[in-house]
Amino acid sequence: MTKILVVDDESDLEILIKQKFRQKIRQQEYEFIFASNGKQALELVKQNDDLDLVLSDINMPVMDGLTLLSKLSEQNSLLKSVIISAYGDMENIRTAMNRGAFDFITKPVNFQDLEITIEKTMLYVTQIRETLKAIKENNILRMYVDETVLNFMGSREFESSLLENETIEATVAFIDICGFTAISETETPDKVVKLLNEYFDIMVKEIIQEKGIIDKFIGDAIMAVFKGPFHLDRAIDACLAIRKTIDELPSFDSANGYMPHVSIGINSGEMVTGNIGSSTLRRLDYTVIGDAVNVAARLQGAAKVSQILITEENYLKIKESFVCNNIGELNFKNKELPITVFEVLK
């Protein structure tokens, strides 16, 4: 449900909104709360921490809409505002945008346009929230910790998360960029880092698209974890997308004409998740460990260029959804018996 605060001193607007959006209100798609001025709106924002959007007039008693915009950005930077006003001149529009307004609608209100604007704004808000969630889950905090980030997380939450550990069912994927070491030996450091980050960015987008978590970057490889419903299927979908996109990239202009490709190992099973590292050094890595993780790493090590390898056990789980090829038995380190391995084709 989208929760919207409407701020306007004209009671007619409240009546119109309830009439025009009655179906969405009845279906619990939208919930509206109302304030008659900016001061009252700020009080409601404090009382309703689940607000998604603010629709605000400009000209109001006690506190006007432009002042409200400034206060909202200080109080909740994720809460987006749309100005609804009869004052549609460029000066007001620019002032509103400079103070953080996401969009501007003039009165009399076109409710079809308003609904489209609400949907567009909520899509943007959702994307921001998902990005923040991904940042938090991917532990980018370790690299970019500042006061704002720490305030966002909350010290209690941060401290309690250090103690969390559990056994989970999940899928791990190791994705290596084939032959990249040769580039690092022949090109300048700037070129190597820039190129590697470009490849990683492509891979990360596909992983996040399938709600995966970047566990860590290991040299020129990524370790990703997929949890929740259909985690194995989502991991394979992400890896197929990564392989396709990387394979279609142009060659890197180097002495040998480097063509990027990946080799991938995927394994699903029970693993332990928690903070692993040294409390003395204050370096803890929230990661997964266990035999299932080790097998995924061994599969990646055995994979050839553009290959995605899984075990027979995982093949039996996904054989109706993906086309695979049996490539036979392989011997892995610390495994007494060979493991039957399948290559995921499409």
Protein backbone atom coordinates (compact mmCIF):
# COMPACT_ATOMS: atom_id res chain seq x y z
CA MET A 1 0.00 0.00 0.00
CA THR A 2 1.22 3.52 -0.87
CA LYS A 3 0.74 5.96 2.02
CA ILE A 4 0.39 9.59 0.94
CA LEU A 5 0.27 12.79 2.98
CA VAL A 6 -1.74 15.59 1.33
CA VAL A 7 -0.96 19.10 2.61
CA ASP A 8 -3.43 21.82 1.55
CA ASP A 9 -5.57 24.37 3.37
CA GLU A 10 -8.40 23.91 0.85
CA SER A 11 -10.80 21.25 2.16
CA ASP A 12 -12.17 20.77 -1.38
CA LEU A 13 -8.97 18.99 -2.43
CA GLU A 14 -9.39 16.37 0.30
CA ILE A 15 -12.96 15.68 -0.88
CA LEU A 16 -11.87 15.45 -4.53
CA ILE A 17 -8.98 13.09 -3.78
CA LYS A 18 -11.21 10.77 -1.75
CA GLN A 19 -13.75 10.75 -4.62
CA LYS A 20 -11.29 10.31 -7.49
CA PHE A 21 -9.21 7.62 -5.77
CA ARG A 22 -12.04 5.85 -3.94
CA GLN A 23 -11.47 2.59 -5.82
CA LYS A 24 -7.75 2.47 -5.01
CA ILE A 25 -8.51 3.45 -1.40
CA ARG A 26 -11.12 0.68 -1.17
CA GLN A 27 -8.68 -1.83 -2.69
CA GLN A 28 -6.05 -0.66 -0.18
CA GLU A 29 -3.64 0.41 -2.90
CA TYR A 30 -3.56 4.01 -1.62
CA GLU A 31 -3.97 5.43 1.87
CA PHE A 32 -4.29 9.22 2.27
CA ILE A 33 -3.81 11.35 5.37
CA PHE A 34 -4.38 15.10 5.34
CA ALA A 35 -2.87 18.25 6.85
CA SER A 36 -3.94 21.87 6.41
CA ASN A 37 -0.47 23.46 6.66
CA GLY A 38 3.24 22.67 6.75
CA LYS A 39 3.54 22.65 10.54
CA GLN A 40 0.76 20.10 10.93
CA ALA A 41 2.31 18.08 8.10
CA LEU A 42 5.66 17.82 9.92
CA GLU A 43 3.88 16.51 13.01
CA LEU A 44 2.14 13.86 10.91
CA VAL A 45 5.45 12.88 9.30
CA LYS A 46 6.88 12.22 12.76
CA GLN A 47 3.82 10.13 13.70
CA ASN A 48 3.78 8.12 10.43
CA ASP A 49 7.21 6.67 9.71
CA ASP A 50 5.73 4.56 6.89
CA LEU A 51 4.88 7.53 4.66
CA ASP A 52 5.83 7.12 1.00
CA LEU A 53 4.95 10.45 -0.59
CA VAL A 54 3.89 14.04 0.17
CA LEU A 55 1.55 16.09 -2.06
CA SER A 56 1.76 19.73 -0.98
CA ASP A 57 0.33 23.13 -1.88
CA ILE A 58 2.61 26.20 -1.78
CA ASN A 59 0.44 29.00 -0.38
CA MET A 60 -0.76 27.94 3.11
CA PRO A 61 -1.07 29.57 6.55
CA VAL A 62 1.33 28.91 9.47
CA MET A 63 3.94 27.22 7.23
CA ASP A 64 3.96 27.37 3.42
CA GLY A 65 4.83 24.51 1.08
CA LEU A 66 8.30 25.75 0.12
CA THR A 67 9.35 25.98 3.76
CA LEU A 68 7.86 22.52 4.31
CA LEU A 69 10.04 21.15 1.49
CA SER A 70 13.18 22.39 3.23
CA LYS A 71 12.10 20.88 6.55
CA LEU A 72 11.19 17.54 4.97
CA SER A 73 14.60 17.13 3.33
CA GLU A 74 16.20 17.69 6.76
CA GLN A 75 13.82 15.28 8.51
CA ASN A 76 13.59 12.45 5.96
CA SER A 77 15.73 12.56 2.83
CA LEU A 78 13.99 9.49 1.35
CA LEU A 79 10.49 11.03 1.53
CA LYS A 80 9.68 12.53 -1.88
CA SER A 81 7.33 15.45 -2.45
CA VAL A 82 5.17 16.59 -5.36
CA ILE A 83 3.97 20.21 -5.36
CA ILE A 84 0.32 20.83 -6.32
CA SER A 85 -0.26 24.56 -6.72
CA ALA A 86 -2.05 27.23 -8.68
CA TYR A 87 1.25 29.13 -8.74
CA GLY A 88 2.73 27.50 -11.82
CA ASP A 89 5.26 30.21 -12.74
CA MET A 90 8.86 29.21 -13.43
CA GLU A 91 10.20 30.92 -10.30
CA ASN A 92 8.02 28.81 -8.00
CA ILE A 93 8.80 25.65 -9.95
CA ARG A 94 12.57 26.26 -9.77
CA THR A 95 12.42 27.11 -6.06
CA ALA A 96 10.41 23.95 -5.35
CA MET A 97 12.80 21.76 -7.35
CA ASN A 98 15.84 23.31 -5.68
CA ARG A 99 14.33 22.48 -2.29
CA GLY A 100 13.84 18.84 -3.19
CA ALA A 101 10.45 18.55 -4.94
CA PHE A 102 10.28 15.52 -7.23
CA ASP A 103 7.61 16.97 -9.54
CA PHE A 104 5.19 19.88 -9.94
CA ILE A 105 1.47 19.79 -10.84
CA THR A 106 -0.68 22.91 -11.39
CA LYS A 107 -4.25 23.48 -10.27
CA PRO A 108 -6.95 22.75 -11.25
CA VAL A 109 -5.72 19.21 -10.76
CA ASN A 110 -5.84 16.75 -13.65
CA PHE A 111 -6.34 13.57 -11.61
CA GLN A 112 -5.21 11.26 -14.40
CA ASP A 113 -1.94 13.20 -14.54
CA LEU A 114 -1.75 13.10 -10.74
CA GLU A 115 -2.12 9.33 -10.67
CA ILE A 116 0.63 8.92 -13.29
CA THR A 117 2.86 11.25 -11.26
CA ILE A 118 2.22 9.29 -8.06
CA GLU A 119 3.12 6.03 -9.82
CA LYS A 120 6.25 7.55 -11.36
CA THR A 121 7.37 8.98 -8.01
CA MET A 122 6.75 5.71 -6.20
CA LEU A 123 8.75 3.81 -8.82
CA TYR A 124 11.66 6.15 -8.12
CA VAL A 125 11.25 5.79 -4.34
CA THR A 126 11.13 1.99 -4.66
CA GLN A 127 14.32 1.99 -6.72
CA ILE A 128 16.09 4.10 -4.09
CA ARG A 129 14.94 1.79 -1.29
CA GLU A 130 16.05 -1.32 -3.17
CA THR A 131 19.41 0.27 -3.89
CA LEU A 132 19.87 1.16 -0.23
CA LYS A 133 18.90 -2.36 0.77
CA ALA A 134 21.39 -3.80 -1.71
CA ILE A 135 24.11 -1.49 -0.42
CA LYS A 136 23.41 -2.56 3.13
CA GLU A 137 23.32 -6.27 2.28
CA ASN A 138 26.43 -6.05 0.14
CA ASN A 139 28.40 -4.54 3.02
CA ILE A 140 29.51 -1.52 1.00
CA LEU A 141 29.32 0.19 4.38
CA ARG A 142 32.75 -1.23 5.12
CA MET A 143 34.15 0.87 2.27
CA TYR A 144 32.14 4.07 2.62
CA VAL A 145 31.34 4.57 6.29
CA ASP A 146 30.49 8.14 7.26
CA GLU A 147 28.21 9.74 9.83
CA THR A 148 25.20 9.79 7.48
CA VAL A 149 25.45 6.06 6.80
CA LEU A 150 25.90 5.21 10.46
CA ASN A 151 22.86 7.32 11.40
CA PHE A 152 20.87 5.55 8.68
CA MET A 153 21.73 2.13 10.04
CA GLY A 154 21.38 3.01 13.71
CA SER A 155 24.04 2.02 16.18
CA ARG A 156 21.92 -0.62 17.96
CA GLU A 157 21.09 -2.34 14.72
CA PHE A 158 24.74 -2.27 13.66
CA GLU A 159 25.97 -3.71 16.97
CA SER A 160 23.34 -6.46 17.10
CA SER A 161 24.07 -7.49 13.50
CA LEU A 162 27.68 -8.26 14.47
CA LEU A 163 26.43 -11.11 16.67
CA GLU A 164 24.02 -12.69 14.19
CA ASN A 165 24.75 -16.12 12.74
CA GLU A 166 22.53 -18.89 11.42
CA THR A 167 22.33 -21.93 9.19
CA ILE A 168 20.51 -21.24 5.92
CA GLU A 169 19.58 -22.91 2.65
CA ALA A 170 21.02 -20.79 -0.15
CA THR A 171 22.86 -20.80 -3.46
CA VAL A 172 26.42 -19.55 -4.00
CA ALA A 173 27.87 -18.52 -7.35
CA PHE A 174 31.55 -17.91 -8.09
CA ILE A 175 31.98 -15.86 -11.28
CA ASP A 176 35.51 -15.42 -12.63
CA ILE A 177 36.64 -13.20 -15.51
CA CYS A 178 38.71 -15.55 -17.64
CA GLY A 179 42.25 -14.57 -18.54
CA PHE A 180 42.12 -11.15 -16.93
CA THR A 181 45.50 -11.67 -15.24
CA ALA A 182 47.15 -11.27 -18.66
CA ILE A 183 45.66 -7.77 -18.95
CA SER A 184 46.92 -6.77 -15.52
CA GLU A 185 50.45 -7.79 -16.54
CA THR A 186 50.54 -5.76 -19.75
CA GLU A 187 48.41 -2.64 -19.15
CA THR A 188 48.75 0.37 -16.85
CA PRO A 189 47.11 0.14 -13.39
CA ASP A 190 44.56 2.83 -14.34
CA LYS A 191 43.39 0.85 -17.37
CA VAL A 192 43.29 -2.43 -15.44
CA VAL A 193 41.19 -1.02 -12.58
CA LYS A 194 38.84 0.88 -14.90
CA LEU A 195 38.23 -2.18 -17.10
CA LEU A 196 37.78 -4.56 -14.15
CA ASN A 197 35.28 -2.20 -12.51
CA GLU A 198 33.32 -1.95 -15.78
CA TYR A 199 33.06 -5.74 -15.98
CA PHE A 200 32.13 -6.00 -12.29
CA ASP A 201 29.44 -3.35 -12.71
CA ILE A 202 27.79 -5.39 -15.48
CA MET A 203 27.87 -8.51 -13.32
CA VAL A 204 26.60 -6.78 -10.18
CA LYS A 205 23.57 -5.33 -11.98
CA GLU A 206 22.47 -8.79 -13.14
CA ILE A 207 23.00 -10.27 -9.66
CA ILE A 208 20.99 -7.52 -7.96
CA GLN A 209 18.29 -7.86 -10.64
CA GLU A 210 17.75 -11.42 -9.37
CA LYS A 211 17.89 -10.23 -5.72
CA GLY A 212 21.31 -11.73 -5.14
CA ILE A 213 23.86 -10.41 -2.62
CA ILE A 214 27.45 -9.60 -3.50
CA ASP A 215 29.32 -11.45 -0.78
CA LYS A 216 32.78 -10.31 -1.87
CA PHE A 217 35.07 -9.41 -4.74
CA ILE A 218 38.02 -11.81 -4.94
CA GLY A 219 40.64 -10.47 -7.32
CA ASP A 220 38.94 -10.66 -10.73
CA ALA A 221 36.04 -12.81 -9.46
CA ILE A 222 32.77 -12.27 -7.62
CA MET A 223 31.20 -14.45 -4.94
CA ALA A 224 27.42 -13.97 -4.88
CA VAL A 225 24.79 -15.44 -2.57
CA PHE A 226 21.11 -15.99 -3.37
CA LYS A 227 18.59 -16.57 -0.58
CA GLY A 228 14.82 -16.92 -0.40
CA PRO A 229 12.32 -18.51 -2.80
CA PHE A 230 13.77 -20.19 -5.93
CA HIS A 231 17.29 -19.12 -4.97
CA LEU A 232 18.92 -21.72 -7.25
CA ASP A 233 16.82 -20.71 -10.28
CA ARG A 234 17.51 -17.01 -9.68
CA ALA A 235 21.25 -17.67 -9.37
CA ILE A 236 21.29 -19.52 -12.69
CA ASP A 237 19.20 -16.80 -14.38
CA ALA A 238 21.65 -14.15 -13.16
CA CYS A 239 24.67 -16.13 -14.34
CA LEU A 240 23.16 -16.83 -17.76
CA ALA A 241 22.50 -13.09 -18.15
CA ILE A 242 26.06 -12.28 -17.06
CA ARG A 243 27.55 -14.76 -19.52
CA LYS A 244 25.45 -13.43 -22.39
CA THR A 245 26.26 -9.78 -21.69
CA ILE A 246 29.99 -10.36 -21.13
CA ASP A 247 30.29 -12.58 -24.22
CA GLU A 248 28.74 -9.83 -26.35
CA LEU A 249 31.19 -7.14 -25.20
CA PRO A 250 33.75 -5.90 -27.74
CA SER A 251 37.39 -6.86 -27.39
CA PHE A 252 39.62 -4.69 -25.24
CA ASP A 253 42.12 -2.74 -27.31
CA SER A 254 45.29 -4.34 -26.05
CA ALA A 255 48.32 -5.97 -27.60
CA ASN A 256 46.54 -9.34 -27.67
CA GLY A 257 43.01 -8.07 -28.39
CA TYR A 258 41.56 -9.39 -25.11
CA MET A 259 38.01 -10.80 -25.34
CA PRO A 260 36.15 -10.91 -22.00
CA HIS A 261 34.47 -14.16 -20.93
CA VAL A 262 33.47 -15.73 -17.62
CA SER A 263 33.67 -19.16 -16.00
CA ILE A 264 31.09 -19.90 -13.33
CA GLY A 265 30.46 -22.42 -10.59
CA ILE A 266 27.07 -22.59 -8.83
CA ASN A 267 26.07 -24.75 -5.87
CA SER A 268 23.04 -24.85 -3.60
CA GLY A 269 22.73 -26.27 -0.10
CA GLU A 270 23.04 -25.70 3.62
CA MET A 271 25.60 -23.15 4.80
CA VAL A 272 26.46 -21.06 7.85
CA THR A 273 26.14 -17.28 7.62
CA GLY A 274 27.61 -14.84 10.08
CA ASN A 275 30.42 -12.39 10.80
CA ILE A 276 33.75 -14.10 10.17
CA GLY A 277 37.10 -12.46 10.87
CA SER A 278 39.19 -10.95 13.63
CA SER A 279 37.57 -8.97 16.43
CA THR A 280 41.09 -7.91 17.49
CA LEU A 281 41.65 -6.19 14.16
CA ARG A 282 37.99 -5.10 14.06
CA ARG A 283 37.70 -6.64 10.62
CA LEU A 284 34.66 -8.88 10.30
CA ASP A 285 33.19 -10.08 7.03
CA TYR A 286 29.50 -11.03 6.92
CA THR A 287 29.74 -14.09 4.70
CA VAL A 288 28.73 -17.73 4.19
CA ILE A 289 30.90 -20.77 4.81
CA GLY A 290 30.52 -24.53 4.51
CA ASP A 291 30.92 -27.47 2.16
CA ALA A 292 28.30 -26.13 -0.28
CA VAL A 293 30.36 -22.95 -0.68
CA ASN A 294 33.59 -24.91 -1.19
CA VAL A 295 31.97 -27.04 -3.92
CA ALA A 296 30.80 -23.91 -5.77
CA ALA A 297 34.38 -22.60 -5.74
CA ARG A 298 35.72 -25.94 -7.01
CA LEU A 299 33.12 -25.97 -9.80
CA GLN A 300 34.22 -22.51 -10.91
CA GLY A 301 37.83 -23.65 -10.88
CA ALA A 302 36.91 -26.57 -13.15
CA ALA A 303 34.76 -24.49 -15.52
CA LYS A 304 36.18 -23.59 -18.92
CA VAL A 305 35.63 -20.33 -20.80
CA SER A 306 31.90 -19.39 -20.85
CA GLN A 307 30.93 -22.50 -18.89
CA ILE A 308 28.42 -22.58 -16.01
CA LEU A 309 28.82 -25.74 -13.94
CA ILE A 310 26.47 -27.28 -11.36
CA THR A 311 26.30 -30.63 -9.57
CA GLU A 312 23.95 -33.45 -10.52
CA GLU A 313 22.02 -32.85 -7.29
CA ASN A 314 21.28 -29.29 -8.37
CA TYR A 315 20.57 -30.35 -11.95
CA LEU A 316 17.75 -32.60 -10.72
CA LYS A 317 16.15 -29.58 -9.05
CA ILE A 318 16.18 -27.33 -12.14
CA LYS A 319 16.14 -29.74 -15.11
CA GLU A 320 12.60 -28.76 -16.11
CA SER A 321 13.52 -25.07 -16.31
CA PHE A 322 16.99 -25.10 -17.90
CA VAL A 323 18.80 -26.97 -20.67
CA CYS A 324 21.89 -28.73 -19.32
CA ASN A 325 24.56 -31.11 -20.58
CA ASN A 326 26.16 -33.92 -18.55
CA ILE A 327 29.93 -33.48 -18.78
CA GLY A 328 30.76 -36.44 -16.54
CA GLU A 329 32.46 -36.99 -13.21
CA LEU A 330 35.10 -34.70 -11.73
CA ASN A 331 37.37 -35.18 -8.75
CA PHE A 332 37.48 -32.28 -6.30
CA LYS A 333 39.88 -31.51 -3.48
CA ASN A 334 38.74 -32.87 -0.08
CA LYS A 335 36.07 -35.01 -1.77
CA GLU A 336 36.53 -38.75 -1.44
CA LEU A 337 34.24 -39.61 -4.35
CA PRO A 338 33.98 -37.92 -7.77
CA ILE A 339 31.02 -35.62 -8.41
CA THR A 340 28.85 -35.75 -11.53
CA VAL A 341 28.80 -32.31 -13.09
CA PHE A 342 26.41 -30.66 -15.54
CA GLU A 343 26.94 -27.61 -17.73
CA VAL A 344 24.03 -25.13 -17.92
CA LEU A 345 23.48 -24.22 -21.57
CA LYS A 346 20.37 -22.04 -21.50
